[in-house]
Amino acid sequence: MKKLITSAIAVASAGSAMAGSVTFTPPVAVIMDEPSRIGGSGAWLVPLIIVAVIALAVTKK
């Protein structure tokens, strides 16, 4: 009976030892870099052209 209890304790402790780590390791976050806008994107050019076309259409006789 003593050997049965000892073997049951050994099996239970070995099973919990192999279950995994106790500490939490968070997943690695992926960092995405946005491309830098160093020379300007030219987004101001489209509204400028629209304003110029409207100004030409209004002033043309």
N, C-alpha and C. Protein backbone atom coordinates (compact mmCIF):
# COMPACT_ATOMS: atom_id res chain seq x y z
N MET A 1 0.83 -1.19 0.00
CA MET A 1 0.00 0.00 0.00
C MET A 1 0.87 1.26 0.00
N LYS A 2 2.01 1.16 0.72
CA LYS A 2 2.91 2.29 0.80
C LYS A 2 3.52 2.59 -0.57
N LYS A 3 3.85 1.56 -1.32
CA LYS A 3 4.42 1.75 -2.67
C LYS A 3 3.37 2.32 -3.63
N LEU A 4 2.12 1.96 -3.47
CA LEU A 4 1.04 2.47 -4.31
C LEU A 4 0.85 3.98 -4.09
N ILE A 5 0.88 4.41 -2.86
CA ILE A 5 0.74 5.84 -2.55
C ILE A 5 1.95 6.61 -3.06
N THR A 6 3.14 6.04 -2.87
CA THR A 6 4.36 6.71 -3.35
C THR A 6 4.37 6.82 -4.86
N SER A 7 3.96 5.78 -5.56
CA SER A 7 3.94 5.84 -7.02
C SER A 7 2.85 6.78 -7.52
N ALA A 8 1.72 6.87 -6.83
CA ALA A 8 0.67 7.81 -7.23
C ALA A 8 1.13 9.24 -7.06
N ILE A 9 1.83 9.52 -5.97
CA ILE A 9 2.37 10.87 -5.75
C ILE A 9 3.42 11.20 -6.81
N ALA A 10 4.25 10.24 -7.16
CA ALA A 10 5.30 10.46 -8.18
C ALA A 10 4.68 10.74 -9.54
N VAL A 11 3.64 10.00 -9.89
CA VAL A 11 2.98 10.21 -11.18
C VAL A 11 2.28 11.57 -11.21
N ALA A 12 1.63 11.94 -10.12
CA ALA A 12 0.92 13.23 -10.08
C ALA A 12 1.89 14.39 -10.15
N SER A 13 3.03 14.29 -9.46
CA SER A 13 4.00 15.39 -9.49
C SER A 13 4.71 15.46 -10.84
N ALA A 14 4.97 14.33 -11.47
CA ALA A 14 5.61 14.33 -12.78
C ALA A 14 4.66 14.89 -13.84
N GLY A 15 3.37 14.61 -13.72
CA GLY A 15 2.40 15.13 -14.68
C GLY A 15 2.28 16.63 -14.61
N SER A 16 2.29 17.19 -13.41
CA SER A 16 2.20 18.65 -13.28
C SER A 16 3.50 19.32 -13.65
N ALA A 17 4.62 18.62 -13.49
CA ALA A 17 5.91 19.20 -13.86
C ALA A 17 6.04 19.29 -15.38
N MET A 18 5.43 18.39 -16.11
CA MET A 18 5.51 18.39 -17.56
C MET A 18 4.39 19.20 -18.22
N ALA A 19 3.52 19.80 -17.43
CA ALA A 19 2.36 20.48 -17.99
C ALA A 19 2.73 21.75 -18.74
N GLY A 20 3.78 22.40 -18.35
CA GLY A 20 4.17 23.63 -19.03
C GLY A 20 4.81 24.58 -18.05
N SER A 21 5.17 25.76 -18.54
CA SER A 21 5.83 26.71 -17.66
C SER A 21 4.80 27.46 -16.81
N VAL A 22 5.26 27.94 -15.68
CA VAL A 22 4.39 28.66 -14.77
C VAL A 22 4.34 30.14 -15.15
N THR A 23 5.41 30.66 -15.71
CA THR A 23 5.47 32.07 -16.05
C THR A 23 4.75 32.33 -17.36
N PHE A 24 4.15 33.51 -17.46
CA PHE A 24 3.44 33.91 -18.68
C PHE A 24 4.40 34.61 -19.61
N THR A 25 4.47 34.16 -20.85
CA THR A 25 5.29 34.83 -21.84
C THR A 25 4.36 35.40 -22.91
N PRO A 26 4.23 36.74 -22.95
CA PRO A 26 3.32 37.35 -23.92
C PRO A 26 3.85 37.18 -25.35
N PRO A 27 2.96 37.18 -26.33
CA PRO A 27 3.41 37.07 -27.71
C PRO A 27 4.16 38.33 -28.15
N VAL A 28 5.05 38.17 -29.08
CA VAL A 28 5.85 39.29 -29.56
C VAL A 28 4.98 40.17 -30.45
N ALA A 29 4.97 41.47 -30.16
CA ALA A 29 4.18 42.41 -30.94
C ALA A 29 4.92 42.75 -32.23
N VAL A 30 4.17 42.84 -33.32
CA VAL A 30 4.74 43.17 -34.62
C VAL A 30 4.68 44.69 -34.79
N ILE A 31 5.82 45.30 -35.04
CA ILE A 31 5.88 46.75 -35.22
C ILE A 31 5.97 47.03 -36.72
N MET A 32 5.01 47.82 -37.19
CA MET A 32 5.01 48.17 -38.61
C MET A 32 5.41 49.63 -38.75
N ASP A 33 6.40 49.89 -39.57
CA ASP A 33 6.85 51.25 -39.81
C ASP A 33 6.11 51.83 -40.99
N GLU A 34 5.65 53.08 -40.81
CA GLU A 34 5.02 53.77 -41.93
C GLU A 34 6.10 54.48 -42.73
N PRO A 35 5.93 54.54 -44.03
CA PRO A 35 6.95 55.26 -44.82
C PRO A 35 6.90 56.75 -44.51
N SER A 36 8.07 57.34 -44.42
CA SER A 36 8.12 58.77 -44.10
C SER A 36 7.85 59.59 -45.35
N ARG A 37 7.26 60.75 -45.13
CA ARG A 37 6.97 61.66 -46.23
C ARG A 37 7.97 62.79 -46.19
N ILE A 38 9.08 62.60 -46.84
CA ILE A 38 10.13 63.61 -46.78
C ILE A 38 9.95 64.63 -47.89
N GLY A 39 9.60 64.58 -48.92
CA GLY A 39 9.56 65.66 -49.90
C GLY A 39 8.18 66.21 -50.15
N GLY A 40 7.21 65.89 -49.35
CA GLY A 40 5.85 66.30 -49.62
C GLY A 40 5.19 65.28 -50.53
N SER A 41 3.91 65.17 -50.42
CA SER A 41 3.24 64.14 -51.20
C SER A 41 2.54 64.70 -52.44
N GLY A 42 2.44 65.99 -52.55
CA GLY A 42 1.76 66.57 -53.69
C GLY A 42 0.26 66.58 -53.54
N ALA A 43 -0.24 66.33 -52.33
CA ALA A 43 -1.68 66.31 -52.11
C ALA A 43 -2.28 67.72 -52.18
N TRP A 44 -1.47 68.73 -52.05
CA TRP A 44 -1.96 70.10 -52.14
C TRP A 44 -2.18 70.51 -53.59
N LEU A 45 -1.62 69.76 -54.53
CA LEU A 45 -1.69 70.12 -55.95
C LEU A 45 -3.09 69.95 -56.52
N VAL A 46 -3.82 68.92 -56.13
CA VAL A 46 -5.16 68.67 -56.66
C VAL A 46 -6.14 69.77 -56.26
N PRO A 47 -6.22 70.17 -54.99
CA PRO A 47 -7.14 71.27 -54.66
C PRO A 47 -6.74 72.59 -55.34
N LEU A 48 -5.43 72.81 -55.53
CA LEU A 48 -4.99 74.02 -56.22
C LEU A 48 -5.46 74.03 -57.67
N ILE A 49 -5.40 72.91 -58.34
CA ILE A 49 -5.87 72.82 -59.72
C ILE A 49 -7.38 73.03 -59.79
N ILE A 50 -8.12 72.46 -58.83
CA ILE A 50 -9.58 72.64 -58.82
C ILE A 50 -9.94 74.10 -58.62
N VAL A 51 -9.26 74.77 -57.70
CA VAL A 51 -9.52 76.19 -57.47
C VAL A 51 -9.17 77.00 -58.71
N ALA A 52 -8.08 76.67 -59.38
CA ALA A 52 -7.68 77.40 -60.58
C ALA A 52 -8.70 77.20 -61.71
N VAL A 53 -9.22 75.99 -61.87
CA VAL A 53 -10.21 75.73 -62.92
C VAL A 53 -11.50 76.48 -62.61
N ILE A 54 -11.92 76.48 -61.36
CA ILE A 54 -13.15 77.22 -60.99
C ILE A 54 -12.94 78.72 -61.19
N ALA A 55 -11.77 79.22 -60.82
CA ALA A 55 -11.50 80.65 -61.02
C ALA A 55 -11.49 81.01 -62.50
N LEU A 56 -10.94 80.16 -63.34
CA LEU A 56 -10.94 80.42 -64.78
C LEU A 56 -12.35 80.35 -65.36
N ALA A 57 -13.15 79.42 -64.87
CA ALA A 57 -14.51 79.27 -65.39
C ALA A 57 -15.37 80.46 -64.98
N VAL A 58 -15.16 80.99 -63.82
CA VAL A 58 -15.97 82.12 -63.35
C VAL A 58 -15.56 83.41 -64.04
N THR A 59 -14.27 83.63 -64.26
CA THR A 59 -13.80 84.89 -64.83
C THR A 59 -13.85 84.89 -66.36
N LYS A 60 -14.02 83.79 -67.02
CA LYS A 60 -14.04 83.74 -68.46
C LYS A 60 -15.35 84.32 -68.99
N LYS A 61 -15.26 85.18 -70.00
CA LYS A 61 -16.47 85.79 -70.57
C LYS A 61 -16.71 85.37 -71.99
